[in-house]
Amino acid sequence: MTSKDRSARAPPRVGPPAAPRGRTHAKQAPSGSVSPRPKRATATPETPSEAAARAIYRVVRAIPPGKVATYGQIAALAGIPAGHRVAARAMQTCPPGLPWHRVVGKKDARRAQISIQEGEHAALQRALLVGEGVAFDASGLIPLRAAGWLPTDVPTTRKARRR
């Protein structure tokens, strides 16, 4: 093959593949017209992270006004042990109408803090909590004894956990 023959060849095809030849997915109707194959209704399976987020949102909706819960408490009540990071990730993309401002970070056993790093959103969360009657101490932390929420069936003291 000479260089002249190579230059005369058509360039390689670029783009979507050509339509398939032969049988397609359409059925031939008796009258001669083509009717498309009916599509099956398939539900996309829920991923584990979506199921966890739904469980977390269900718990957050149960927090009463004037009370707060930590990310770890929310995760434990949603059935995700040691899932505080899962709860925090789910709260980053929470649906409208969810009382997101009632979920806070745990500072220590007795206090919680606003964990949002963005100043404007942290100020909004604090304003919403103050509007609901949540008190902050002099260092800007939330005393969990006064404002903490936890259902009564979960042990909250050391004595209740020790056996």
Protein backbone atom coordinates (compact mmCIF):
# COMPACT_ATOMS: atom_id res chain seq x y z
CA MET A 1 0.00 0.00 0.00
CA THR A 2 1.40 3.35 -0.97
CA SER A 3 1.08 6.60 0.87
CA LYS A 4 -1.33 7.76 -1.81
CA ASP A 5 -3.69 4.83 -1.02
CA ARG A 6 -3.63 5.62 2.71
CA SER A 7 -4.60 9.23 2.19
CA ALA A 8 -7.52 8.20 -0.03
CA ARG A 9 -9.06 6.08 2.73
CA ALA A 10 -11.92 7.56 4.72
CA PRO A 11 -11.02 8.72 8.23
CA PRO A 12 -12.16 6.45 11.08
CA ARG A 13 -15.74 6.94 12.26
CA VAL A 14 -16.11 9.03 15.43
CA GLY A 15 -19.39 9.41 17.27
CA PRO A 16 -22.26 7.21 18.41
CA PRO A 17 -22.36 3.65 17.12
CA ALA A 18 -24.49 2.88 14.12
CA ALA A 19 -28.01 1.56 14.63
CA PRO A 20 -28.11 -2.22 15.09
CA ARG A 21 -29.04 -4.31 12.11
CA GLY A 22 -31.55 -7.08 12.22
CA ARG A 23 -34.09 -7.60 14.98
CA THR A 24 -34.88 -4.64 17.22
CA HIS A 25 -36.90 -4.33 20.41
CA ALA A 26 -40.10 -3.37 18.61
CA LYS A 27 -42.77 -6.01 17.98
CA GLN A 28 -44.62 -6.24 14.74
CA ALA A 29 -48.31 -5.58 15.24
CA PRO A 30 -50.79 -7.69 13.23
CA SER A 31 -51.83 -4.70 11.12
CA GLY A 32 -48.28 -4.15 9.95
CA SER A 33 -47.50 -1.16 12.17
CA VAL A 34 -44.70 -1.29 14.69
CA SER A 35 -45.56 -0.90 18.37
CA PRO A 36 -42.83 -0.37 20.98
CA ARG A 37 -42.25 -2.99 23.65
CA PRO A 38 -43.94 -1.90 26.88
CA LYS A 39 -41.47 -0.83 29.55
CA ARG A 40 -41.56 -2.51 32.91
CA ALA A 41 -41.97 -0.36 35.96
CA THR A 42 -38.86 -1.02 38.00
CA ALA A 43 -38.13 0.56 41.33
CA THR A 44 -34.54 1.53 41.80
CA PRO A 45 -33.17 -0.16 44.89
CA GLU A 46 -32.45 2.12 47.82
CA THR A 47 -28.80 2.45 48.71
CA PRO A 48 -27.72 1.93 52.32
CA SER A 49 -26.82 5.60 52.65
CA GLU A 50 -30.30 6.64 51.46
CA ALA A 51 -31.93 4.29 53.96
CA ALA A 52 -29.72 5.65 56.74
CA ALA A 53 -30.54 9.24 55.79
CA ARG A 54 -34.27 8.51 55.88
CA ALA A 55 -33.93 6.94 59.35
CA ILE A 56 -31.92 9.94 60.55
CA TYR A 57 -34.49 12.41 59.19
CA ARG A 58 -37.27 10.47 60.94
CA VAL A 59 -35.46 10.88 64.28
CA VAL A 60 -34.72 14.57 63.68
CA ARG A 61 -38.41 15.26 63.01
CA ALA A 62 -39.17 13.88 66.49
CA ILE A 63 -36.98 16.42 68.34
CA PRO A 64 -39.36 18.82 70.09
CA PRO A 65 -38.92 22.61 69.87
CA GLY A 66 -36.62 23.98 72.55
CA LYS A 67 -34.57 20.76 72.70
CA VAL A 68 -31.40 19.65 70.92
CA ALA A 69 -29.79 16.29 70.16
CA THR A 70 -26.23 15.46 69.16
CA TYR A 71 -25.21 13.76 65.94
CA GLY A 72 -24.26 10.63 67.88
CA GLN A 73 -27.63 10.46 69.64
CA ILE A 74 -29.46 10.85 66.33
CA ALA A 75 -27.41 8.06 64.74
CA ALA A 76 -27.92 5.72 67.71
CA LEU A 77 -31.68 6.30 67.70
CA ALA A 78 -31.73 5.69 63.93
CA GLY A 79 -30.08 2.32 64.50
CA ILE A 80 -26.60 3.30 63.33
CA PRO A 81 -24.17 2.64 66.20
CA ALA A 82 -21.14 4.97 66.20
CA GLY A 83 -22.67 6.74 63.20
CA HIS A 84 -22.19 10.37 64.18
CA ARG A 85 -20.39 11.05 60.90
CA VAL A 86 -23.18 9.40 58.91
CA ALA A 87 -25.68 11.65 60.69
CA ALA A 88 -23.57 14.74 60.01
CA ARG A 89 -23.30 13.84 56.33
CA ALA A 90 -27.05 13.26 56.05
CA MET A 91 -27.76 16.61 57.72
CA GLN A 92 -25.69 18.44 55.08
CA THR A 93 -28.34 17.62 52.49
CA CYS A 94 -31.49 17.53 54.58
CA PRO A 95 -34.89 18.16 52.99
CA PRO A 96 -36.79 21.43 53.46
CA GLY A 97 -38.93 21.65 56.57
CA LEU A 98 -36.63 19.45 58.67
CA PRO A 99 -35.65 21.08 62.00
CA TRP A 100 -31.93 20.84 61.18
CA HIS A 101 -31.02 23.52 63.71
CA ARG A 102 -31.87 21.17 66.62
CA VAL A 103 -28.96 18.85 65.78
CA VAL A 104 -25.66 19.92 67.35
CA GLY A 105 -22.19 18.55 67.99
CA LYS A 106 -21.17 17.03 71.30
CA LYS A 107 -18.51 18.99 73.17
CA ASP A 108 -18.33 16.75 76.25
CA ALA A 109 -20.70 14.66 78.36
CA ARG A 110 -22.59 17.70 79.63
CA ARG A 111 -22.43 20.25 76.82
CA ALA A 112 -23.04 20.57 73.10
CA GLN A 113 -21.88 23.09 70.53
CA ILE A 114 -22.87 24.39 67.13
CA SER A 115 -20.69 22.44 64.71
CA ILE A 116 -21.31 24.43 61.54
CA GLN A 117 -18.06 25.99 60.33
CA GLU A 118 -19.61 28.70 58.16
CA GLY A 119 -20.17 31.80 60.28
CA GLU A 120 -23.41 32.89 58.64
CA HIS A 121 -25.06 29.47 59.02
CA ALA A 122 -23.79 29.08 62.59
CA ALA A 123 -25.33 32.45 63.47
CA LEU A 124 -28.60 31.37 61.86
CA GLN A 125 -28.62 28.10 63.81
CA ARG A 126 -27.96 29.95 67.07
CA ALA A 127 -30.72 32.47 66.34
CA LEU A 128 -33.22 29.70 65.58
CA LEU A 129 -32.32 27.85 68.80
CA VAL A 130 -32.52 31.01 70.92
CA GLY A 131 -35.91 31.71 69.32
CA GLU A 132 -37.09 28.30 70.56
CA GLY A 133 -35.84 28.99 74.09
CA VAL A 134 -32.54 27.07 74.06
CA ALA A 135 -30.09 28.69 76.49
CA PHE A 136 -26.37 29.06 75.84
CA ASP A 137 -23.80 29.38 78.62
CA ALA A 138 -21.14 32.11 78.84
CA SER A 139 -18.75 30.16 76.59
CA GLY A 140 -21.38 29.69 73.85
CA LEU A 141 -22.11 26.04 74.63
CA ILE A 142 -25.49 24.39 75.19
CA PRO A 143 -25.99 22.66 78.57
CA LEU A 144 -27.48 19.27 77.68
CA ARG A 145 -29.10 18.86 81.10
CA ALA A 146 -31.44 21.76 80.31
CA ALA A 147 -31.82 21.56 76.53
CA GLY A 148 -30.82 18.03 75.63
CA TRP A 149 -33.41 15.66 74.19
CA LEU A 150 -33.27 11.92 74.52
CA PRO A 151 -36.13 9.46 74.74
CA THR A 152 -36.56 7.89 78.18
CA ASP A 153 -35.85 4.31 77.07
CA VAL A 154 -32.15 5.03 76.41
CA PRO A 155 -29.87 5.10 79.49
CA THR A 156 -28.38 8.53 80.05
CA THR A 157 -26.40 8.07 83.29
CA ARG A 158 -23.33 6.06 84.16
CA LYS A 159 -25.21 4.04 86.78
CA ALA A 160 -27.81 2.94 84.24
CA ARG A 161 -25.11 1.66 81.87
CA ARG A 162 -22.93 -0.09 84.47
CA ARG A 163 -23.80 -3.62 85.60
